[in-house]
Amino acid sequence: TFLIFIFAGTILLSMPFSHEGDGFTDLMDALFTATSAVTVTGLVVKDTATYWSPVGQALIMIMIFIGGLSFMTLATFLLILIGRRLSLMQRLMARDSFQTNQLGGLVRLTVLIVLAAVAIQFVGFIALAWRFSVVYESLAEAIWHALFQAISAFNGAGFDTITTGVSLSRFQTDVIVLTIIGMLIFIGSISYLVMVDVVRIRRFSKFTLNTKLVLLLTLFLTFIGAFVFFLAEYSNPDTIGTLSAGNKAVVATFESISGRTAGFTTVHYGKTAQHTNFFFTVLMFIGGASASVAGGIKINTIAVLLIAVTSTISGRGHASVFGRQIPDFQVQRAIAVVVMGATLVFLLALLLTISERDFAFIDLLFEVVSAFGTSGLSTGLTSDLSRWGQLILIVSMF
């Protein structure tokens, strides 16, 4: 289904009506953009704001929305709308997609997920439209930018239609815009089940183990990412060096939230320090929560491994936390995910260093992990890569 949807998006984006000017878009450029949109990554070879026409931007936005919602959720929801009963196979697939162990209540859960996703994006759209109405002279322009950015942010895509500067650099000191987009990214990265748990229960002690681990590790990674960015870039005049201490803290927090899963940025990662990029490479590799719009090997995976390591060091026979034991097969699965993810990144980075010999290794590794983790951060070399290099990133995103 992913391949079919990417193929359809490639054909549509290659048409003359999808971009400004005459003629067809190069197939590789259309394929790269469609793959990046469907996988909600955000890496681009053509500037979204200036190259693609309103029709092309709308197509990208639709691909982001469906890719973020997930095909399984959308397919299940459509079956419910037309009154079809879900077969056992469809229920099993939906259960795996939602990261739940129960077959019962999937219809209600599907409807809840779709409604929640649409509602959150709508609220984000209204908030951004209110703010952008002051920034842009045209109300129609403000509404369009608000709609596109709200959908892109919640689904962790990182595509933007703002024409000036690098991504959100125009709003580097706009706390309201950064807060709205940051909250959309954060909510989208913790998964629907965690959102439901938080809204329904509201007490940490009664949350499921999954919710506790996702919230704790997400907050920890957000804090440590912001702390590292703040210290590493504090005096860098090309990033946040000229800002006030308060704005530096806001930008650092935003970059930590967005960098791990979304790819919106207020700075150019081609001008950040190497140790900043290396640390954010690790964050992008981890990504967000399972069953969320985020990519990476997932926070849940890292949480299980940390619990297993801590239990081993403390001499416990089984991995356990909060009075709950982690089944051995979950630990084994987490190890397998990390090993396979690291192996894939290693192989793709190796291939990229062979095909792209004019770029620094840290920058190539940054691009590969950004593609693999569907984060979308870039040092600015994606569009300068050879066709082979771009194909490697396409494979990594897929």
Protein backbone atom coordinates (compact mmCIF):
# COMPACT_ATOMS: atom_id res chain seq x y z
CA THR A 1 0.00 0.00 0.00
CA PHE A 2 2.85 2.35 0.79
CA LEU A 3 4.46 1.62 -2.58
CA ILE A 4 1.18 2.15 -4.46
CA PHE A 5 0.52 5.42 -2.68
CA ILE A 6 4.08 6.66 -3.25
CA PHE A 7 3.81 5.71 -6.94
CA ALA A 8 0.50 7.58 -7.29
CA GLY A 9 1.94 10.61 -5.52
CA THR A 10 5.00 10.54 -7.78
CA ILE A 11 2.86 10.59 -10.92
CA LEU A 12 0.67 13.43 -9.64
CA LEU A 13 3.61 15.53 -8.46
CA SER A 14 5.40 15.09 -11.79
CA MET A 15 2.47 16.70 -13.66
CA PRO A 16 2.77 20.34 -14.86
CA PHE A 17 -0.13 21.48 -12.66
CA SER A 18 1.75 20.43 -9.50
CA HIS A 19 4.58 22.93 -9.78
CA GLU A 20 5.21 26.52 -10.77
CA GLY A 21 6.24 27.02 -14.39
CA ASP A 22 5.91 24.78 -17.44
CA GLY A 23 6.83 21.18 -18.19
CA PHE A 24 6.97 18.06 -16.07
CA THR A 25 8.86 17.64 -12.80
CA ASP A 26 11.80 15.25 -12.94
CA LEU A 27 10.60 11.80 -11.85
CA MET A 28 13.36 11.39 -9.27
CA ASP A 29 12.44 14.73 -7.66
CA ALA A 30 8.76 13.76 -7.65
CA LEU A 31 9.58 10.29 -6.24
CA PHE A 32 11.75 11.74 -3.49
CA THR A 33 9.07 14.28 -2.49
CA ALA A 34 6.26 11.71 -2.55
CA THR A 35 8.27 9.25 -0.45
CA SER A 36 9.18 11.98 2.02
CA ALA A 37 5.52 13.05 2.31
CA VAL A 38 4.00 9.57 2.62
CA THR A 39 6.58 8.54 5.23
CA VAL A 40 6.10 11.94 6.95
CA THR A 41 9.82 12.68 6.84
CA GLY A 42 10.25 16.21 5.50
CA LEU A 43 13.51 15.94 3.57
CA VAL A 44 13.17 17.89 0.32
CA VAL A 45 15.01 18.32 -2.96
CA LYS A 46 12.71 21.13 -4.12
CA ASP A 47 11.65 24.04 -1.95
CA THR A 48 8.06 23.35 -0.92
CA ALA A 49 7.04 27.00 -0.76
CA THR A 50 8.45 28.20 -4.08
CA TYR A 51 8.65 25.18 -6.39
CA TRP A 52 5.32 23.45 -5.85
CA SER A 53 2.07 25.11 -6.93
CA PRO A 54 -0.96 25.33 -4.60
CA VAL A 55 -2.17 22.06 -6.15
CA GLY A 56 1.20 20.42 -5.53
CA GLN A 57 1.29 21.68 -1.95
CA ALA A 58 -2.26 20.37 -1.40
CA LEU A 59 -1.20 16.95 -2.73
CA ILE A 60 1.77 16.90 -0.38
CA MET A 61 -0.49 17.89 2.52
CA ILE A 62 -2.94 15.07 1.74
CA MET A 63 -0.09 12.54 1.56
CA ILE A 64 1.21 13.78 4.91
CA PHE A 65 -2.23 13.48 6.52
CA ILE A 66 -2.82 9.94 5.30
CA GLY A 67 0.75 8.83 5.95
CA GLY A 68 0.61 10.17 9.51
CA LEU A 69 -2.80 8.71 10.27
CA SER A 70 -1.56 5.37 8.88
CA PHE A 71 -3.21 3.36 6.18
CA MET A 72 -4.46 0.72 8.61
CA THR A 73 -6.32 3.31 10.69
CA LEU A 74 -7.77 4.98 7.60
CA ALA A 75 -8.78 1.69 5.97
CA THR A 76 -10.44 0.46 9.17
CA PHE A 77 -12.25 3.78 9.57
CA LEU A 78 -13.55 3.68 5.99
CA LEU A 79 -14.84 0.12 6.48
CA ILE A 80 -16.68 1.30 9.58
CA LEU A 81 -18.18 4.26 7.70
CA ILE A 82 -19.66 2.04 4.98
CA GLY A 83 -21.04 -0.37 7.56
CA ARG A 84 -18.70 -3.30 6.87
CA ARG A 85 -17.89 -5.72 9.68
CA LEU A 86 -14.17 -6.25 10.27
CA SER A 87 -12.90 -9.75 9.53
CA LEU A 88 -10.61 -11.52 11.99
CA MET A 89 -7.59 -10.82 9.77
CA GLN A 90 -8.46 -7.13 9.59
CA ARG A 91 -8.87 -7.00 13.36
CA LEU A 92 -5.49 -8.64 13.88
CA MET A 93 -3.81 -6.17 11.52
CA ALA A 94 -5.55 -3.24 13.20
CA ARG A 95 -4.54 -4.52 16.64
CA ASP A 96 -0.87 -4.68 15.62
CA SER A 97 -1.09 -1.24 14.03
CA PHE A 98 -2.55 0.28 17.21
CA GLN A 99 -0.02 -1.52 19.46
CA THR A 100 -2.75 -3.04 21.63
CA ASN A 101 -3.27 -6.61 22.84
CA GLN A 102 -7.07 -6.56 22.72
CA LEU A 103 -9.23 -7.54 19.74
CA GLY A 104 -12.37 -6.15 21.33
CA GLY A 105 -13.24 -2.47 21.05
CA LEU A 106 -11.15 -1.86 17.92
CA VAL A 107 -14.03 -0.16 16.11
CA ARG A 108 -14.48 2.34 18.91
CA LEU A 109 -10.72 2.83 19.22
CA THR A 110 -10.39 3.49 15.48
CA VAL A 111 -13.12 6.12 15.50
CA LEU A 112 -11.58 7.71 18.59
CA ILE A 113 -8.12 7.85 16.97
CA VAL A 114 -9.41 9.47 13.77
CA LEU A 115 -11.58 11.99 15.59
CA ALA A 116 -8.80 12.85 18.04
CA ALA A 117 -6.25 13.33 15.23
CA VAL A 118 -8.60 15.56 13.23
CA ALA A 119 -9.63 17.54 16.32
CA ILE A 120 -6.06 18.20 17.45
CA GLN A 121 -4.98 19.30 13.99
CA PHE A 122 -8.06 21.54 13.73
CA VAL A 123 -7.30 23.21 17.06
CA GLY A 124 -3.69 23.69 15.95
CA PHE A 125 -4.91 25.17 12.67
CA ILE A 126 -7.19 27.67 14.46
CA ALA A 127 -4.38 28.72 16.82
CA LEU A 128 -1.88 29.19 13.98
CA ALA A 129 -4.45 30.98 11.80
CA TRP A 130 -5.06 33.43 14.63
CA ARG A 131 -1.33 34.10 14.98
CA PHE A 132 -0.58 34.18 11.24
CA SER A 133 -3.43 36.63 10.63
CA VAL A 134 -1.23 39.22 12.34
CA VAL A 135 1.91 38.16 10.44
CA TYR A 136 0.51 37.98 6.89
CA GLU A 137 -1.38 40.75 5.14
CA SER A 138 -3.68 38.33 3.30
CA LEU A 139 -6.12 36.34 5.45
CA ALA A 140 -6.27 33.61 2.80
CA GLU A 141 -2.48 33.27 2.92
CA ALA A 142 -2.54 33.10 6.71
CA ILE A 143 -5.23 30.39 6.66
CA TRP A 144 -3.38 28.30 4.08
CA HIS A 145 -0.06 28.46 5.93
CA ALA A 146 -1.82 27.65 9.21
CA LEU A 147 -3.58 24.60 7.74
CA PHE A 148 -0.48 23.21 6.07
CA GLN A 149 1.82 23.79 9.05
CA ALA A 150 -0.71 22.33 11.54
CA ILE A 151 -1.07 19.09 9.56
CA SER A 152 2.66 18.88 8.88
CA ALA A 153 3.56 19.50 12.55
CA PHE A 154 1.11 17.06 14.15
CA ASN A 155 2.11 14.32 11.70
CA GLY A 156 5.81 15.00 12.24
CA ALA A 157 6.45 15.73 8.58
CA GLY A 158 8.52 18.91 8.69
CA PHE A 159 7.34 20.22 5.30
CA ASP A 160 6.65 23.94 5.40
CA THR A 161 5.18 26.51 3.01
CA ILE A 162 6.82 29.54 4.63
CA THR A 163 8.94 31.19 1.97
CA THR A 164 11.62 33.09 3.86
CA GLY A 165 14.70 31.55 5.44
CA VAL A 166 15.26 28.02 6.72
CA SER A 167 12.01 26.36 7.77
CA LEU A 168 10.75 28.40 10.76
CA SER A 169 13.77 30.73 11.03
CA ARG A 170 11.41 33.65 10.42
CA PHE A 171 9.68 32.80 13.71
CA GLN A 172 12.82 32.10 15.75
CA THR A 173 11.82 34.69 18.36
CA ASP A 174 8.06 34.13 18.06
CA VAL A 175 7.30 32.16 21.22
CA ILE A 176 3.61 31.72 20.30
CA VAL A 177 4.26 30.07 16.93
CA LEU A 178 7.03 27.86 18.31
CA THR A 179 4.84 26.83 21.26
CA ILE A 180 1.85 25.90 19.07
CA ILE A 181 3.93 23.92 16.57
CA GLY A 182 6.01 22.37 19.35
CA MET A 183 2.90 21.17 21.17
CA LEU A 184 1.45 19.67 17.96
CA ILE A 185 4.72 17.80 17.35
CA PHE A 186 4.92 16.60 20.97
CA ILE A 187 1.33 15.34 21.06
CA GLY A 188 1.72 13.55 17.72
CA SER A 189 4.90 11.81 18.87
CA ILE A 190 3.54 10.15 22.02
CA SER A 191 0.89 7.95 20.27
CA TYR A 192 -2.88 7.93 20.38
CA LEU A 193 -3.13 5.34 23.18
CA VAL A 194 -0.97 7.47 25.46
CA MET A 195 -3.11 10.52 24.68
CA VAL A 196 -6.28 8.57 25.51
CA ASP A 197 -4.72 7.28 28.73
CA VAL A 198 -3.73 10.77 29.85
CA VAL A 199 -7.13 12.30 29.04
CA ARG A 200 -9.15 9.52 30.65
CA ILE A 201 -7.13 8.65 33.77
CA ARG A 202 -5.18 11.85 34.52
CA ARG A 203 -3.22 10.21 37.36
CA PHE A 204 0.33 9.02 36.71
CA SER A 205 0.11 6.19 39.23
CA LYS A 206 -2.83 4.66 37.35
CA PHE A 207 -1.40 5.00 33.85
CA THR A 208 -0.51 1.84 31.94
CA LEU A 209 3.15 0.86 31.98
CA ASN A 210 3.43 1.87 28.31
CA THR A 211 2.12 5.37 29.04
CA LYS A 212 4.44 5.84 32.02
CA LEU A 213 7.51 4.81 30.04
CA VAL A 214 6.62 6.90 26.98
CA LEU A 215 5.92 10.06 28.99
CA LEU A 216 8.96 9.76 31.25
CA LEU A 217 11.45 9.00 28.49
CA THR A 218 9.94 11.57 26.11
CA LEU A 219 10.26 14.29 28.74
CA PHE A 220 13.78 13.16 29.63
CA LEU A 221 14.96 13.15 26.00
CA THR A 222 13.32 16.53 25.44
CA PHE A 223 15.11 17.99 28.46
CA ILE A 224 18.52 16.48 27.68
CA GLY A 225 18.23 17.47 24.00
CA ALA A 226 17.38 21.06 24.91
CA PHE A 227 20.18 21.16 27.48
CA VAL A 228 22.80 19.91 25.00
CA PHE A 229 21.60 22.26 22.22
CA PHE A 230 21.53 25.24 24.61
CA LEU A 231 25.10 24.65 25.81
CA ALA A 232 26.56 23.64 22.44
CA GLU A 233 25.07 26.54 20.48
CA TYR A 234 25.00 29.21 23.19
CA SER A 235 27.79 31.30 21.66
CA ASN A 236 27.31 30.30 18.01
CA PRO A 237 26.33 33.50 16.13
CA ASP A 238 25.06 31.44 13.18
CA THR A 239 22.39 29.71 15.29
CA ILE A 240 21.27 31.17 18.64
CA GLY A 241 24.33 33.13 19.75
CA THR A 242 22.72 36.54 19.15
CA LEU A 243 19.47 35.77 20.99
CA SER A 244 18.58 36.59 24.59
CA ALA A 245 18.97 33.84 27.18
CA GLY A 246 15.20 33.34 27.30
CA ASN A 247 14.87 32.99 23.53
CA LYS A 248 17.85 30.64 23.49
CA ALA A 249 16.06 28.38 25.97
CA VAL A 250 12.84 28.48 23.93
CA VAL A 251 14.64 27.66 20.67
CA ALA A 252 16.67 24.90 22.32
CA THR A 253 13.50 23.30 23.69
CA PHE A 254 11.75 23.58 20.33
CA GLU A 255 14.72 22.08 18.48
CA SER A 256 14.81 19.18 20.94
CA ILE A 257 11.09 18.44 20.48
CA SER A 258 11.10 18.87 16.71
CA GLY A 259 14.53 17.45 15.91
CA ARG A 260 13.75 14.00 17.26
CA THR A 261 10.62 13.46 15.19
CA ALA A 262 9.49 16.32 12.95
CA GLY A 263 12.25 18.32 11.27
CA PHE A 264 10.88 21.83 11.72
CA THR A 265 13.78 24.04 12.67
CA THR A 266 14.66 27.67 13.35
CA VAL A 267 18.38 27.21 12.64
CA HIS A 268 20.48 25.82 9.79
CA TYR A 269 22.01 22.47 10.82
CA GLY A 270 24.79 23.05 8.32
CA LYS A 271 26.01 25.78 10.70
CA THR A 272 25.57 24.00 14.03
CA ALA A 273 28.50 22.43 15.87
CA GLN A 274 29.51 18.88 15.00
CA HIS A 275 28.79 17.63 18.52
CA THR A 276 25.29 19.12 18.27
CA ASN A 277 24.63 17.25 15.05
CA PHE A 278 26.08 14.03 16.42
CA PHE A 279 23.89 14.19 19.53
CA PHE A 280 20.79 14.93 17.45
CA THR A 281 21.69 11.99 15.23
CA VAL A 282 21.18 9.78 18.29
CA LEU A 283 17.86 11.49 19.09
CA MET A 284 16.62 11.00 15.51
CA PHE A 285 17.62 7.34 15.62
CA ILE A 286 15.46 6.86 18.74
CA GLY A 287 12.47 8.79 17.38
CA GLY A 288 9.05 8.83 19.06
CA ALA A 289 6.61 6.38 20.61
CA SER A 290 5.28 3.21 19.03
CA ALA A 291 1.93 3.62 17.21
CA SER A 292 2.58 7.36 16.89
CA VAL A 293 3.31 9.39 13.76
CA ALA A 294 7.02 9.50 14.68
CA GLY A 295 9.71 7.28 13.22
CA GLY A 296 12.96 5.88 14.60
CA ILE A 297 13.43 2.66 16.55
CA LYS A 298 10.90 4.05 19.07
CA ILE A 299 11.11 5.29 22.64
CA ASN A 300 9.42 2.09 23.85
CA THR A 301 12.30 0.04 22.45
CA ILE A 302 14.93 2.13 24.26
CA ALA A 303 12.86 2.03 27.46
CA VAL A 304 12.73 -1.77 27.44
CA LEU A 305 16.49 -2.00 26.83
CA LEU A 306 17.27 0.48 29.62
CA ILE A 307 15.04 -1.48 32.01
CA ALA A 308 16.76 -4.75 31.02
CA VAL A 309 20.24 -3.26 31.50
CA THR A 310 19.31 -1.69 34.85
CA SER A 311 17.78 -4.97 36.04
CA THR A 312 20.91 -6.89 35.02
CA ILE A 313 23.23 -4.45 36.81
CA SER A 314 21.12 -4.61 39.98
CA GLY A 315 21.14 -8.42 39.89
CA ARG A 316 17.45 -8.98 39.22
CA GLY A 317 16.57 -12.14 37.28
CA HIS A 318 14.01 -10.40 35.06
CA ALA A 319 13.55 -6.93 33.60
CA SER A 320 11.02 -5.08 35.73
CA VAL A 321 9.91 -1.54 36.50
CA PHE A 322 7.05 0.07 38.46
CA GLY A 323 6.30 -3.35 39.92
CA ARG A 324 5.73 -4.82 36.45
CA GLN A 325 7.83 -7.51 34.78
CA ILE A 326 8.81 -7.09 31.13
CA PRO A 327 8.37 -10.41 29.24
CA ASP A 328 11.61 -11.84 27.84
CA PHE A 329 10.24 -11.82 24.29
CA GLN A 330 9.75 -8.04 24.54
CA VAL A 331 13.40 -7.60 25.54
CA GLN A 332 14.49 -9.85 22.67
CA ARG A 333 12.30 -7.91 20.24
CA ALA A 334 13.79 -4.62 21.44
CA ILE A 335 17.32 -5.95 20.92
CA ALA A 336 16.37 -7.14 17.43
CA VAL A 337 14.91 -3.73 16.50
CA VAL A 338 18.02 -1.87 17.66
CA VAL A 339 20.40 -4.26 15.90
CA MET A 340 18.43 -4.21 12.65
CA GLY A 341 18.05 -0.43 12.76
CA ALA A 342 21.75 0.15 13.45
CA THR A 343 22.72 -2.34 10.74
CA LEU A 344 20.51 -0.65 8.17
CA VAL A 345 21.85 2.80 9.04
CA PHE A 346 25.44 1.49 8.87
CA LEU A 347 24.93 -0.06 5.44
CA LEU A 348 23.12 2.95 3.98
CA ALA A 349 25.68 5.37 5.42
CA LEU A 350 28.45 3.24 3.95
CA LEU A 351 26.82 3.32 0.52
CA LEU A 352 26.32 7.07 0.81
CA THR A 353 29.99 7.67 1.63
CA ILE A 354 30.89 5.69 -1.50
CA SER A 355 28.53 7.59 -3.82
CA GLU A 356 29.08 11.03 -2.22
CA ARG A 357 32.78 11.60 -1.66
CA ASP A 358 32.64 15.40 -1.57
CA PHE A 359 30.76 15.66 1.74
CA ALA A 360 31.84 15.21 5.36
CA PHE A 361 30.94 11.86 6.92
CA ILE A 362 29.08 13.41 9.87
CA ASP A 363 26.81 15.27 7.45
CA LEU A 364 26.10 12.12 5.42
CA LEU A 365 25.38 10.13 8.58
CA PHE A 366 23.08 12.93 9.75
CA GLU A 367 21.08 12.75 6.49
CA VAL A 368 20.80 8.94 6.57
CA VAL A 369 19.60 8.83 10.17
CA SER A 370 17.22 11.71 9.51
CA ALA A 371 15.74 9.73 6.62
CA PHE A 372 15.64 6.45 8.56
CA GLY A 373 14.07 8.10 11.62
CA THR A 374 11.75 10.13 9.32
CA SER A 375 12.83 13.22 11.22
CA GLY A 376 13.50 15.50 8.26
CA LEU A 377 16.36 17.53 9.71
CA SER A 378 19.05 18.30 7.15
CA THR A 379 22.44 19.97 6.98
CA GLY A 380 21.33 21.30 3.59
CA LEU A 381 23.01 18.78 1.32
CA THR A 382 19.98 16.65 0.33
CA SER A 383 19.31 18.55 -2.88
CA ASP A 384 23.04 18.49 -3.73
CA LEU A 385 23.35 14.71 -3.55
CA SER A 386 23.72 12.65 -6.70
CA ARG A 387 20.77 10.62 -7.96
CA TRP A 388 22.29 7.54 -6.32
CA GLY A 389 22.60 9.43 -3.05
CA GLN A 390 18.98 10.54 -3.19
CA LEU A 391 17.89 6.99 -4.01
CA ILE A 392 19.71 5.76 -0.89
CA LEU A 393 17.75 8.28 1.20
CA ILE A 394 14.50 7.17 -0.47
CA VAL A 395 15.23 3.58 0.56
CA SER A 396 16.07 4.76 4.06
CA MET A 397 12.81 6.70 4.40
CA PHE A 398 10.76 3.79 3.08
